[in-house]
C-alpha atoms as a PDB file:
ATOM      1  CA  UNK A   1     -12.005 -18.730  21.140  1.00  0.00           C
ATOM      2  CA  UNK A   2     -10.941 -21.182  23.815  1.00  0.00           C
ATOM      3  CA  UNK A   3      -9.464 -24.398  22.477  1.00  0.00           C
ATOM      4  CA  UNK A   4      -8.034 -27.477  24.115  1.00  0.00           C
ATOM      5  CA  UNK A   5      -6.555 -30.211  21.967  1.00  0.00           C
ATOM      6  CA  UNK A   6      -5.391 -33.543  23.326  1.00  0.00           C
ATOM      7  CA  UNK A   7      -2.783 -35.701  21.642  1.00  0.00           C
ATOM      8  CA  UNK A   8      -0.562 -38.662  22.406  1.00  0.00           C
ATOM      9  CA  UNK A   9      -3.134 -41.400  22.516  1.00  0.00           C
ATOM     10  CA  UNK A  10      -2.544 -44.777  20.981  1.00  0.00           C
ATOM     11  CA  UNK A  11      -2.221 -48.473  21.629  1.00  0.00           C
ATOM     12  CA  UNK A  12       0.087 -49.962  24.209  1.00  0.00           C
ATOM     13  CA  UNK A  13       0.522 -53.275  25.961  1.00  0.00           C
ATOM     14  CA  UNK A  14      -0.330 -53.774  29.602  1.00  0.00           C
ATOM     15  CA  UNK A  15       2.439 -52.368  31.777  1.00  0.00           C
ATOM     16  CA  UNK A  16       3.437 -49.828  29.181  1.00  0.00           C
ATOM     17  CA  UNK A  17       3.442 -46.042  29.277  1.00  0.00           C
ATOM     18  CA  UNK A  18       1.982 -43.169  27.329  1.00  0.00           C
ATOM     19  CA  UNK A  19       2.234 -39.415  27.659  1.00  0.00           C
ATOM     20  CA  UNK A  20      -0.751 -37.304  26.740  1.00  0.00           C
ATOM     21  CA  UNK A  21      -0.531 -33.637  25.884  1.00  0.00           C
ATOM     22  CA  UNK A  22      -3.153 -30.913  26.086  1.00  0.00           C
ATOM     23  CA  UNK A  23      -2.453 -27.854  23.957  1.00  0.00           C
ATOM     24  CA  UNK A  24      -4.492 -24.802  24.870  1.00  0.00           C
ATOM     25  CA  UNK A  25      -5.248 -21.410  23.367  1.00  0.00           C
ATOM     26  CA  UNK A  26      -7.701 -18.557  23.661  1.00  0.00           C
ATOM     27  CA  UNK A  27      -7.375 -17.868  27.371  1.00  0.00           C
ATOM     28  CA  UNK A  28      -4.801 -17.003  30.020  1.00  0.00           C
ATOM     29  CA  UNK A  29      -3.551 -20.509  30.721  1.00  0.00           C
ATOM     30  CA  UNK A  30      -1.688 -19.614  33.892  1.00  0.00           C
ATOM     31  CA  UNK A  31      -4.912 -18.446  35.562  1.00  0.00           C
ATOM     32  CA  UNK A  32      -6.665 -21.809  35.471  1.00  0.00           C
ATOM     33  CA  UNK A  33      -6.169 -25.315  36.681  1.00  0.00           C
ATOM     34  CA  UNK A  34      -6.323 -28.198  34.239  1.00  0.00           C
ATOM     35  CA  UNK A  35      -8.375 -31.307  34.789  1.00  0.00           C
ATOM     36  CA  UNK A  36      -7.975 -34.600  32.995  1.00  0.00           C
ATOM     37  CA  UNK A  37     -10.945 -36.929  32.682  1.00  0.00           C
ATOM     38  CA  UNK A  38     -11.589 -40.231  31.012  1.00  0.00           C
ATOM     39  CA  UNK A  39     -14.553 -42.179  29.754  1.00  0.00           C
ATOM     40  CA  UNK A  40     -14.023 -45.906  29.918  1.00  0.00           C
ATOM     41  CA  UNK A  41     -16.472 -48.608  28.973  1.00  0.00           C
ATOM     42  CA  UNK A  42     -19.069 -49.330  31.619  1.00  0.00           C
ATOM     43  CA  UNK A  43     -18.185 -46.369  33.809  1.00  0.00           C
ATOM     44  CA  UNK A  44     -19.290 -42.790  34.052  1.00  0.00           C
ATOM     45  CA  UNK A  45     -16.832 -40.115  32.982  1.00  0.00           C
ATOM     46  CA  UNK A  46     -14.363 -39.785  35.837  1.00  0.00           C
ATOM     47  CA  UNK A  47     -11.744 -37.340  36.983  1.00  0.00           C
ATOM     48  CA  UNK A  48      -8.262 -38.731  36.465  1.00  0.00           C
ATOM     49  CA  UNK A  49      -6.044 -35.861  37.547  1.00  0.00           C
ATOM     50  CA  UNK A  50      -6.049 -32.180  38.341  1.00  0.00           C
ATOM     51  CA  UNK A  51      -3.294 -29.623  38.523  1.00  0.00           C
ATOM     52  CA  UNK A  52      -3.571 -26.138  39.966  1.00  0.00           C
ATOM     53  CA  UNK A  53      -2.877 -22.996  37.980  1.00  0.00           C
ATOM     54  CA  UNK A  54       0.594 -22.676  39.486  1.00  0.00           C
ATOM     55  CA  UNK A  55       1.352 -26.347  39.151  1.00  0.00           C
ATOM     56  CA  UNK A  56       2.142 -26.604  42.846  1.00  0.00           C
ATOM     57  CA  UNK A  57      -0.891 -28.713  43.702  1.00  0.00           C
ATOM     58  CA  UNK A  58      -2.128 -31.903  42.115  1.00  0.00           C
ATOM     59  CA  UNK A  59      -4.772 -34.502  42.821  1.00  0.00           C
ATOM     60  CA  UNK A  60      -5.573 -37.883  41.323  1.00  0.00           C
ATOM     61  CA  UNK A  61      -8.398 -40.336  41.048  1.00  0.00           C
ATOM     62  CA  UNK A  62      -8.029 -43.373  43.279  1.00  0.00           C
ATOM     63  CA  UNK A  63      -7.697 -45.750  40.350  1.00  0.00           C
ATOM     64  CA  UNK A  64      -4.627 -43.996  38.942  1.00  0.00           C
ATOM     65  CA  UNK A  65      -2.788 -42.783  42.028  1.00  0.00           C
ATOM     66  CA  UNK A  66       0.836 -43.802  41.951  1.00  0.00           C
ATOM     67  CA  UNK A  67       0.717 -44.589  38.215  1.00  0.00           C
ATOM     68  CA  UNK A  68      -0.216 -41.290  36.554  1.00  0.00           C
ATOM     69  CA  UNK A  69       1.421 -37.888  36.907  1.00  0.00           C
ATOM     70  CA  UNK A  70       0.030 -34.563  35.713  1.00  0.00           C
ATOM     71  CA  UNK A  71       2.191 -31.579  34.886  1.00  0.00           C
ATOM     72  CA  UNK A  72       1.998 -28.272  33.074  1.00  0.00           C
ATOM     73  CA  UNK A  73       4.127 -25.794  31.194  1.00  0.00           C
ATOM     74  CA  UNK A  74       2.647 -22.344  31.641  1.00  0.00           C
ATOM     75  CA  UNK A  75       5.075 -20.740  29.228  1.00  0.00           C
ATOM     76  CA  UNK A  76       3.835 -22.976  26.405  1.00  0.00           C
ATOM     77  CA  UNK A  77       0.231 -23.287  27.596  1.00  0.00           C
ATOM     78  CA  UNK A  78       0.451 -27.056  27.777  1.00  0.00           C
ATOM     79  CA  UNK A  79      -0.527 -29.747  30.226  1.00  0.00           C
ATOM     80  CA  UNK A  80       0.720 -33.324  30.243  1.00  0.00           C
ATOM     81  CA  UNK A  81      -0.485 -36.602  31.658  1.00  0.00           C
ATOM     82  CA  UNK A  82       2.218 -39.219  32.078  1.00  0.00           C
ATOM     83  CA  UNK A  83       0.608 -42.632  32.369  1.00  0.00           C
ATOM     84  CA  UNK A  84       2.706 -45.555  33.584  1.00  0.00           C
ATOM     85  CA  UNK A  85       1.928 -49.178  34.423  1.00  0.00           C
ATOM     86  CA  UNK A  86      -1.075 -49.053  32.160  1.00  0.00           C
ATOM     87  CA  UNK A  87      -3.775 -51.657  32.543  1.00  0.00           C
ATOM     88  CA  UNK A  88      -6.458 -52.860  30.124  1.00  0.00           C
ATOM     89  CA  UNK A  89      -9.054 -51.149  32.307  1.00  0.00           C
ATOM     90  CA  UNK A  90      -7.393 -47.811  31.526  1.00  0.00           C
ATOM     91  CA  UNK A  91      -8.619 -48.150  27.950  1.00  0.00           C
ATOM     92  CA  UNK A  92     -10.850 -45.249  27.016  1.00  0.00           C
ATOM     93  CA  UNK A  93     -11.166 -41.695  25.785  1.00  0.00           C
ATOM     94  CA  UNK A  94      -9.130 -39.117  27.706  1.00  0.00           C
ATOM     95  CA  UNK A  95     -10.036 -35.444  27.837  1.00  0.00           C
ATOM     96  CA  UNK A  96      -8.536 -32.272  29.244  1.00  0.00           C
ATOM     97  CA  UNK A  97     -10.671 -29.482  30.578  1.00  0.00           C
ATOM     98  CA  UNK A  98     -10.109 -25.914  31.674  1.00  0.00           C
ATOM     99  CA  UNK A  99     -10.959 -26.378  35.348  1.00  0.00           C
ATOM    100  CA  UNK A 100     -14.159 -24.747  36.522  1.00  0.00           C
ATOM    101  CA  UNK A 101     -15.500 -24.212  33.018  1.00  0.00           C
ATOM    102  CA  UNK A 102     -17.243 -26.147  30.288  1.00  0.00           C
ATOM    103  CA  UNK A 103     -14.271 -25.861  27.962  1.00  0.00           C
ATOM    104  CA  UNK A 104     -13.193 -29.351  26.954  1.00  0.00           C
ATOM    105  CA  UNK A 105     -11.036 -30.939  24.339  1.00  0.00           C
ATOM    106  CA  UNK A 106     -12.414 -33.598  22.028  1.00  0.00           C
ATOM    107  CA  UNK A 107     -10.377 -36.354  23.592  1.00  0.00           C
ATOM    108  CA  UNK A 108      -7.694 -38.828  22.630  1.00  0.00           C
ATOM    109  CA  UNK A 109      -8.142 -42.600  22.657  1.00  0.00           C
ATOM    110  CA  UNK A 110      -6.016 -44.957  24.729  1.00  0.00           C
ATOM    111  CA  UNK A 111      -6.112 -48.694  24.128  1.00  0.00           C
ATOM    112  CA  UNK A 112      -4.271 -50.999  26.500  1.00  0.00           C
ATOM    113  CA  UNK A 113      -4.041 -54.631  25.481  1.00  0.00           C
ATOM    114  CA  UNK A 114      -3.351 -57.520  27.822  1.00  0.00           C
END
């Protein structure tokens, strides 16, 4: 069956960096985009980043543009979210999703302290 598993979450101080990984299985990874979402306190779940199936196209939420970078490795069926210049308001649960489907990972928690 389709599985997506996030990892790389943790605690970091404001201004720090983290790199999240999304390991996938059970489908042809190279045929689908990958979307990263987050759920932070007081806000609805929001799209953080998206990368096309080829990796040639990306898009970002306004709140993370210029700080986050999404990438993928089709050979290893992985996607990555590099998060720089982290802020306390980035604290939350981060998920990856097979774009266009209801296949989600369970999320990984990021805590940014001031």
